[in-house]
């Protein structure tokens, strides 16, 4: 392995805590049948992919969910969708602060504006802006119009930043994303449920 110069972090379930089951249950409570097949960590309905790629508006998304629910309101749907969002433990922030002194950090997230708006509201503008400043580049799928595990998003990150794949380390909790990055010869670490990013360093960087 050549020297790592850039560390590419996923956001959900790597930096910010995520509990997919709370949103699945919240959808069930709104009368949405088979919600676990509609959305999960490994499988997303095309609707969610379109939202994450910014190809449909937030209102389009809400209207589609409303059509398969038992008369849920707009606010109830947004609240259910945001139920999965947790906090960012302070120890992870301290890790990022430390790493940013020696590596260029990049955030690469499949996300959507409904989630980002809620996170900014919960964190506050000042704290969110301080968090963003820890990263050399910040890539959100709904702003890019592309998402993981599509190869094009990894190629863009490498190209934008003039990074050789062998000089990048990608950390993500989704195996399909890891597999896609590995095909491009990017160094990867698949973060398991039992792992915490604060325990990974410096062991996986040589």
Foldseek 3Di string as FASTA:
>chain_A
DPAAAEEEEEPEVAFWDFDQVQLLVLLVVQVQPPSVQCDDPADHDVLLVCQLLLVDDLVVSLVVSCVRGDNDDSVSNLCSVQRGTGGGDPLSVVVLQVVLVRHAYEYAYRDHPSNVVVVCVVCPVVRVVVSVVSHPYYHGNNVVSDHPPDLVVVVCVCVVVVHQQDNYEYEEQHPRNVVSSVVSVHHYDHAHSPDHVSPCPPVVGD
